[in-house]
Structures are given as structure tokens and as C-alpha cells.
Protein backbone atom coordinates (compact mmCIF):
# COMPACT_ATOMS: atom_id res chain seq x y z
CA MET A 1 -11.72 -49.60 -79.69
CA SER A 2 -8.25 -49.58 -81.17
CA THR A 3 -5.84 -46.92 -79.94
CA LYS A 4 -3.77 -47.14 -83.11
CA MET A 5 -3.78 -44.18 -85.45
CA THR A 6 -3.22 -44.33 -89.19
CA GLU A 7 -0.20 -42.48 -90.57
CA GLN A 8 -2.50 -39.75 -91.86
CA GLN A 9 -4.30 -39.42 -88.51
CA LEU A 10 -0.98 -39.17 -86.69
CA ARG A 11 0.38 -36.58 -89.15
CA VAL A 12 -2.77 -34.45 -88.93
CA TRP A 13 -2.75 -34.72 -85.12
CA GLN A 14 0.89 -33.64 -84.94
CA ASN A 15 0.22 -30.72 -87.30
CA PHE A 16 -2.82 -29.71 -85.26
CA VAL A 17 -0.81 -29.70 -82.01
CA LEU A 18 2.09 -27.81 -83.60
CA LEU A 19 -0.26 -25.24 -85.15
CA ALA A 20 -2.23 -24.71 -81.92
CA GLU A 21 0.94 -24.24 -79.86
CA THR A 22 2.57 -21.94 -82.42
CA VAL A 23 -0.47 -19.72 -82.99
CA HIS A 24 -1.14 -19.52 -79.25
CA ARG A 25 2.49 -18.53 -78.58
CA GLU A 26 2.66 -15.92 -81.36
CA VAL A 27 -0.71 -14.34 -80.55
CA GLY A 28 0.32 -14.27 -76.88
CA ARG A 29 3.62 -12.63 -77.78
CA ASP A 30 1.82 -10.01 -79.87
CA LEU A 31 -0.66 -9.40 -77.05
CA TRP A 32 2.20 -8.68 -74.66
CA ASP A 33 4.10 -6.51 -77.16
CA ASP A 34 1.01 -4.50 -78.15
CA ALA A 35 -1.00 -4.29 -74.92
CA ARG A 36 1.28 -5.47 -72.09
CA LEU A 37 -1.15 -8.23 -71.13
CA THR A 38 -0.46 -11.94 -70.89
CA ASP A 39 -2.83 -14.35 -72.60
CA SER A 40 -4.05 -15.48 -69.17
CA GLU A 41 -4.73 -11.91 -68.06
CA PHE A 42 -6.62 -11.25 -71.29
CA THR A 43 -8.73 -14.37 -70.76
CA VAL A 44 -9.76 -13.35 -67.24
CA LEU A 45 -10.39 -9.73 -68.24
CA ALA A 46 -12.52 -10.88 -71.19
CA GLU A 47 -14.68 -13.01 -68.91
CA LEU A 48 -15.17 -10.21 -66.38
CA SER A 49 -15.86 -7.71 -69.18
CA MET A 50 -18.84 -9.77 -70.33
CA ARG A 51 -20.56 -9.06 -67.00
CA ALA A 52 -22.53 -5.83 -66.82
CA ASP A 53 -20.97 -4.92 -63.49
CA GLY A 54 -17.60 -6.59 -64.19
CA THR A 55 -17.97 -8.73 -61.06
CA MET A 56 -18.32 -12.45 -60.42
CA ARG A 57 -17.37 -15.17 -58.00
CA PRO A 58 -13.98 -16.76 -58.63
CA SER A 59 -15.54 -20.23 -58.88
CA GLN A 60 -17.89 -18.97 -61.63
CA CYS A 61 -14.97 -17.43 -63.49
CA ALA A 62 -12.89 -20.59 -63.19
CA ARG A 63 -15.73 -22.69 -64.61
CA ALA A 64 -16.40 -20.21 -67.41
CA ILE A 65 -12.80 -20.23 -68.62
CA ASP A 66 -12.26 -23.92 -67.81
CA TRP A 67 -9.47 -23.41 -65.27
CA ASP A 68 -9.07 -25.03 -61.89
CA THR A 69 -9.62 -22.69 -58.96
CA SER A 70 -5.99 -22.90 -57.85
CA ARG A 71 -4.73 -21.65 -61.20
CA LEU A 72 -7.25 -18.82 -61.16
CA SER A 73 -6.36 -17.87 -57.60
CA HIS A 74 -2.66 -17.50 -58.48
CA GLN A 75 -3.56 -15.53 -61.62
CA LEU A 76 -5.87 -13.22 -59.68
CA ARG A 77 -3.14 -12.50 -57.12
CA ARG A 78 -0.81 -11.36 -59.91
CA MET A 79 -3.54 -9.32 -61.60
CA GLU A 80 -4.52 -7.67 -58.33
CA LYS A 81 -0.90 -6.55 -57.86
CA ARG A 82 -1.06 -4.98 -61.33
CA GLY A 83 -4.33 -3.20 -60.48
CA LEU A 84 -6.35 -5.08 -63.11
CA VAL A 85 -8.81 -6.72 -60.69
CA ALA A 86 -9.89 -6.29 -57.09
CA ARG A 87 -10.92 -9.11 -54.81
CA GLY A 88 -13.59 -8.59 -52.19
CA ARG A 89 -16.68 -9.98 -50.52
CA GLY A 90 -20.15 -10.20 -51.97
CA ASP A 91 -22.84 -7.83 -50.83
CA GLY A 92 -25.82 -10.01 -51.71
CA SER A 93 -27.48 -12.69 -49.64
CA ASP A 94 -24.11 -14.21 -48.74
CA GLY A 95 -21.70 -11.42 -47.85
CA ARG A 96 -19.05 -14.03 -47.06
CA ALA A 97 -18.75 -15.10 -50.70
CA ALA A 98 -15.56 -14.01 -52.42
CA THR A 99 -15.88 -11.87 -55.53
CA ILE A 100 -13.56 -10.52 -58.17
CA ALA A 101 -14.18 -7.23 -59.89
CA LEU A 102 -12.74 -5.56 -62.92
CA THR A 103 -11.03 -2.30 -61.98
CA ASP A 104 -11.08 0.79 -64.16
CA GLU A 105 -7.48 -0.02 -65.11
CA GLY A 106 -8.45 -3.62 -65.95
CA ARG A 107 -11.34 -2.48 -68.13
CA ALA A 108 -9.09 0.04 -69.92
CA ALA A 109 -6.35 -2.56 -70.43
CA TYR A 110 -8.85 -5.01 -71.91
CA ARG A 111 -10.29 -2.38 -74.25
CA ARG A 112 -6.77 -1.45 -75.41
CA ALA A 113 -5.98 -5.12 -76.04
CA ILE A 114 -9.02 -6.11 -78.12
CA GLY A 115 -7.94 -4.51 -81.41
CA PRO A 116 -4.33 -5.72 -81.26
CA HIS A 117 -5.50 -9.19 -80.21
CA LEU A 118 -7.89 -9.49 -83.16
CA ARG A 119 -5.27 -8.16 -85.59
CA SER A 120 -2.84 -10.78 -84.31
CA ALA A 121 -5.40 -13.58 -84.64
CA LYS A 122 -6.06 -12.44 -88.20
CA ARG A 123 -2.35 -12.30 -89.00
CA TRP A 124 -1.43 -15.69 -87.54
CA PHE A 125 -4.60 -17.57 -88.45
CA ALA A 126 -7.34 -16.07 -90.58
CA ASP A 127 -5.13 -14.53 -93.30
CA ALA A 128 -4.06 -18.03 -94.37
CA LEU A 129 -7.58 -19.19 -95.17
CA ASP A 130 -9.75 -18.25 -98.14
CA GLY A 131 -13.54 -18.61 -97.96
CA ASP A 132 -13.76 -22.27 -98.97
CA ARG A 133 -10.92 -23.40 -96.69
CA LEU A 134 -12.32 -21.37 -93.80
CA GLY A 135 -15.73 -23.00 -94.33
CA HIS A 136 -14.22 -26.50 -94.41
CA LEU A 137 -12.17 -25.81 -91.29
CA ASP A 138 -15.23 -24.40 -89.55
CA ASP A 139 -17.15 -27.59 -90.37
CA ALA A 140 -14.28 -29.83 -89.23
CA LEU A 141 -13.80 -27.92 -85.99
CA GLY A 142 -17.54 -28.09 -85.30
CA VAL A 143 -17.45 -31.89 -85.70
CA LEU A 144 -14.39 -32.12 -83.45
CA LEU A 145 -15.92 -29.90 -80.76
CA GLU A 146 -19.11 -31.96 -80.74
CA HIS A 147 -17.09 -35.17 -80.50
CA VAL A 148 -14.92 -33.83 -77.67
CA GLY A 149 -18.02 -32.59 -75.84
CA ARG A 150 -19.73 -35.98 -76.10
CA THR A 151 -16.56 -37.85 -75.15
CA ALA A 152 -15.86 -35.61 -72.15
CA GLU A 153 -19.47 -35.88 -71.03
CA SER A 154 -19.42 -39.68 -71.19
CA SER A 155 -16.10 -39.91 -69.34
CA THR A 156 -17.05 -37.52 -66.49
CA PRO A 157 -17.95 -39.33 -63.27
CA ALA A 158 -21.66 -39.05 -62.53
CA ALA A 159 -21.37 -38.12 -58.87
CA GLY A 160 -19.31 -35.34 -57.48
CA GLY A 161 -15.84 -35.86 -58.92
CA ASP A 162 -14.45 -34.24 -62.00
CA ALA A 163 -15.59 -30.78 -63.06
CA ARG A 164 -14.75 -31.27 -66.74
CA ARG A 165 -17.16 -29.97 -69.30
CA GLY A 166 -17.35 -30.21 -73.01
CA PRO A 167 -16.00 -27.33 -75.09
CA ALA A 168 -19.51 -26.34 -76.14
CA ASP A 169 -20.29 -25.56 -72.48
CA LYS A 170 -17.09 -23.63 -71.96
CA ASN A 171 -18.35 -20.29 -73.24
CA GLN A 172 -22.01 -21.07 -72.65
CA GLY A 173 -22.90 -20.62 -76.30
CA GLN A 174 -20.70 -17.56 -76.78
CA PRO A 175 -18.22 -17.41 -79.65
CA ALA A 176 -14.64 -18.13 -78.74
CA ARG A 177 -12.85 -15.06 -77.41
CA LYS A 178 -9.38 -16.18 -78.35
CA PRO A 179 -7.70 -18.72 -80.65
């Protein structure tokens, strides 16, 4: 397979990268200005909020949001200092297992952030697209996500090694929570 891209492919790739970085930065800036949460905090709180009891193992959370455990551990330490999450030990069959739990403050912060976050995503992304363009983009993104999922799956070592998953597995069939 050739690694050369056509001029159009290169231009579209560069625009895609620029757009993704810009929208991510601006939505993150709005999230901080409106709700005093970082994008990373919002991501973790969103994952915990989807659990009925707001609790899960850190390794489960890391897999669900496609982060390595080291990144999550550092993020959890910062969030615990802010009172957004609490770390503890499981009370089930393995009481030694570490858990993370959404605090009342974390749940309230997430609830306060949802509206501003969605308004920001609309402002920086959805407002630019009419129905036809949104439909075409949805189709194109679906094709890309399937391709990336297949490609990641075929490049993941069969035994033990890499924990990469395809984007379709990332949210386990749930709609994306953030742009």
C-alpha cells in the first residue's frame, strides 16, 4: 500500500486536524469559562455519571474513555483534591479493588456543565451545518469510524499487548459525549 496522499487527501487531512484541534480547544475554553471544569474533568465525570451509583473501577473508566491508567490516575488525583471524585476500596467480592466514586459536588458540577457544554458544541460545530451537510458529514464520519475500528483491530497484537480498541468500542454503543 502506498503511503502517498493526493493533494486533496492531504488538504482534507490538514483541515480535519485543524478543525478538530480548534473546536476541541474552544469548547474546552467555554467549558472552563462557563462551568469551571476542564475537558478532562468533564470526560471523567460524564463516564461516572452514566453509572447508577456513580462508582466504577479506575481500569474500567480508563478503558471506557480510552485513556491509559497513568493518565487517569493523575487526573483522578487532581479531581479528588477538588472534591469531584473520591477514591476508595470496593465492597464486593474483592474489597481490595480500587474504586472511584462521583461525589455530590462532582455530580452537581457535571449537571451544571451539561447545558453550557452542549451550547458550546452547537456554537462551534453544529451551527455551521445545515441538514444536508450534517447528513453528509454524519455519513462520512461513520465510514471513517468503521475504517479506523477495522484498522485498529487488525493492527492490535493478538496476545496480551496493546489495549487499543476501535472508536466504535470506545463508548460501547453510546453516542459521543463530547466533540
